[in-house]
N, C-alpha and C. Protein backbone atom coordinates (compact mmCIF):
# COMPACT_ATOMS: atom_id res chain seq x y z
N MET A 1 29.57 -10.72 -26.70
CA MET A 1 28.81 -11.21 -25.57
C MET A 1 27.59 -10.31 -25.38
N PHE A 2 26.49 -10.88 -24.93
CA PHE A 2 25.29 -10.09 -24.65
C PHE A 2 24.62 -10.65 -23.39
N ARG A 3 23.74 -9.84 -22.83
CA ARG A 3 23.04 -10.20 -21.59
C ARG A 3 21.54 -10.18 -21.86
N VAL A 4 20.84 -11.19 -21.37
CA VAL A 4 19.39 -11.27 -21.48
C VAL A 4 18.81 -11.00 -20.10
N THR A 5 17.90 -10.05 -20.01
CA THR A 5 17.28 -9.73 -18.72
C THR A 5 15.78 -9.68 -18.88
N ARG A 6 15.09 -9.69 -17.77
CA ARG A 6 13.64 -9.53 -17.74
C ARG A 6 13.31 -8.43 -16.75
N ARG A 7 12.26 -7.69 -17.05
CA ARG A 7 11.79 -6.66 -16.12
C ARG A 7 10.38 -7.05 -15.67
N TYR A 8 10.16 -7.04 -14.38
CA TYR A 8 8.86 -7.38 -13.80
C TYR A 8 8.26 -6.14 -13.17
N GLN A 9 6.96 -6.04 -13.26
CA GLN A 9 6.21 -4.98 -12.59
C GLN A 9 5.11 -5.64 -11.77
N PHE A 10 4.80 -5.05 -10.62
CA PHE A 10 3.69 -5.57 -9.84
C PHE A 10 3.03 -4.43 -9.07
N ALA A 11 1.80 -4.66 -8.72
CA ALA A 11 1.04 -3.70 -7.92
C ALA A 11 0.73 -4.35 -6.58
N ALA A 12 0.82 -3.57 -5.53
CA ALA A 12 0.53 -4.07 -4.19
C ALA A 12 -0.27 -3.01 -3.44
N SER A 13 -1.11 -3.46 -2.54
CA SER A 13 -1.86 -2.51 -1.73
C SER A 13 -1.85 -2.95 -0.28
N HIS A 14 -2.17 -2.01 0.58
CA HIS A 14 -2.25 -2.30 2.00
C HIS A 14 -3.23 -1.34 2.66
N ARG A 15 -3.66 -1.72 3.84
CA ARG A 15 -4.48 -0.82 4.65
C ARG A 15 -3.97 -0.90 6.08
N LEU A 16 -3.64 0.25 6.63
CA LEU A 16 -3.23 0.32 8.03
C LEU A 16 -4.46 0.73 8.83
N HIS A 17 -4.83 -0.10 9.81
CA HIS A 17 -6.05 0.13 10.57
C HIS A 17 -5.95 -0.63 11.89
N SER A 18 -6.33 0.01 12.96
CA SER A 18 -6.36 -0.65 14.27
C SER A 18 -7.80 -0.71 14.76
N PRO A 19 -8.31 -1.90 15.05
CA PRO A 19 -9.68 -2.00 15.58
C PRO A 19 -9.82 -1.40 16.98
N LEU A 20 -8.70 -1.13 17.63
CA LEU A 20 -8.73 -0.54 18.97
C LEU A 20 -8.95 0.97 18.95
N LEU A 21 -8.82 1.58 17.76
CA LEU A 21 -8.98 3.03 17.63
C LEU A 21 -10.29 3.37 16.92
N SER A 22 -10.77 4.59 17.14
CA SER A 22 -11.97 5.04 16.43
C SER A 22 -11.61 5.34 14.97
N GLU A 23 -12.63 5.51 14.13
CA GLU A 23 -12.39 5.82 12.72
C GLU A 23 -11.60 7.12 12.57
N ASP A 24 -11.94 8.13 13.38
CA ASP A 24 -11.21 9.41 13.32
C ASP A 24 -9.75 9.25 13.75
N GLU A 25 -9.51 8.47 14.81
CA GLU A 25 -8.13 8.26 15.26
C GLU A 25 -7.32 7.50 14.21
N ASN A 26 -7.92 6.48 13.60
CA ASN A 26 -7.25 5.74 12.53
C ASN A 26 -6.91 6.66 11.36
N GLN A 27 -7.86 7.50 10.97
CA GLN A 27 -7.62 8.41 9.85
C GLN A 27 -6.51 9.40 10.17
N ARG A 28 -6.52 9.94 11.37
CA ARG A 28 -5.51 10.91 11.78
C ARG A 28 -4.12 10.26 11.85
N LEU A 29 -4.06 9.03 12.36
CA LEU A 29 -2.78 8.34 12.55
C LEU A 29 -2.22 7.80 11.23
N TYR A 30 -3.07 7.18 10.40
CA TYR A 30 -2.59 6.49 9.21
C TYR A 30 -2.85 7.23 7.89
N GLY A 31 -3.65 8.28 7.91
CA GLY A 31 -3.88 9.09 6.71
C GLY A 31 -4.41 8.28 5.54
N LYS A 32 -3.84 8.49 4.34
CA LYS A 32 -4.35 7.82 3.14
C LYS A 32 -4.16 6.31 3.19
N CYS A 33 -3.29 5.81 4.05
CA CYS A 33 -3.10 4.36 4.17
C CYS A 33 -4.25 3.69 4.92
N ASN A 34 -5.20 4.47 5.43
CA ASN A 34 -6.35 3.94 6.16
C ASN A 34 -7.61 3.87 5.31
N ARG A 35 -7.54 4.14 4.03
CA ARG A 35 -8.72 4.09 3.17
C ARG A 35 -9.34 2.69 3.23
N PRO A 36 -10.68 2.60 3.19
CA PRO A 36 -11.35 1.30 3.36
C PRO A 36 -10.90 0.23 2.37
N TYR A 37 -10.58 0.60 1.14
CA TYR A 37 -10.18 -0.40 0.14
C TYR A 37 -8.68 -0.42 -0.07
N GLY A 38 -7.93 0.18 0.83
CA GLY A 38 -6.48 0.13 0.77
C GLY A 38 -5.87 1.29 0.01
N HIS A 39 -4.55 1.25 -0.03
CA HIS A 39 -3.73 2.27 -0.66
C HIS A 39 -2.66 1.52 -1.43
N GLY A 40 -2.48 1.82 -2.71
CA GLY A 40 -1.63 0.99 -3.54
C GLY A 40 -0.33 1.63 -4.00
N HIS A 41 0.57 0.76 -4.44
CA HIS A 41 1.86 1.16 -5.00
C HIS A 41 2.18 0.27 -6.20
N ASN A 42 2.78 0.84 -7.20
CA ASN A 42 3.30 0.08 -8.34
C ASN A 42 4.82 0.03 -8.23
N SER A 43 5.39 -1.12 -8.47
CA SER A 43 6.85 -1.29 -8.37
C SER A 43 7.39 -1.94 -9.64
N THR A 44 8.63 -1.60 -9.96
CA THR A 44 9.28 -2.23 -11.10
C THR A 44 10.54 -2.92 -10.65
């Protein structure tokens, strides 16, 4: 008997940002997740 499997990989990004806060407050609160073009992760 044998098993056939598949492995998937994907990349995802996000940006945490509140329009109610100043740029400095957003940066302090969210750190690298507040970068203008997002912050990414690779998953398998």
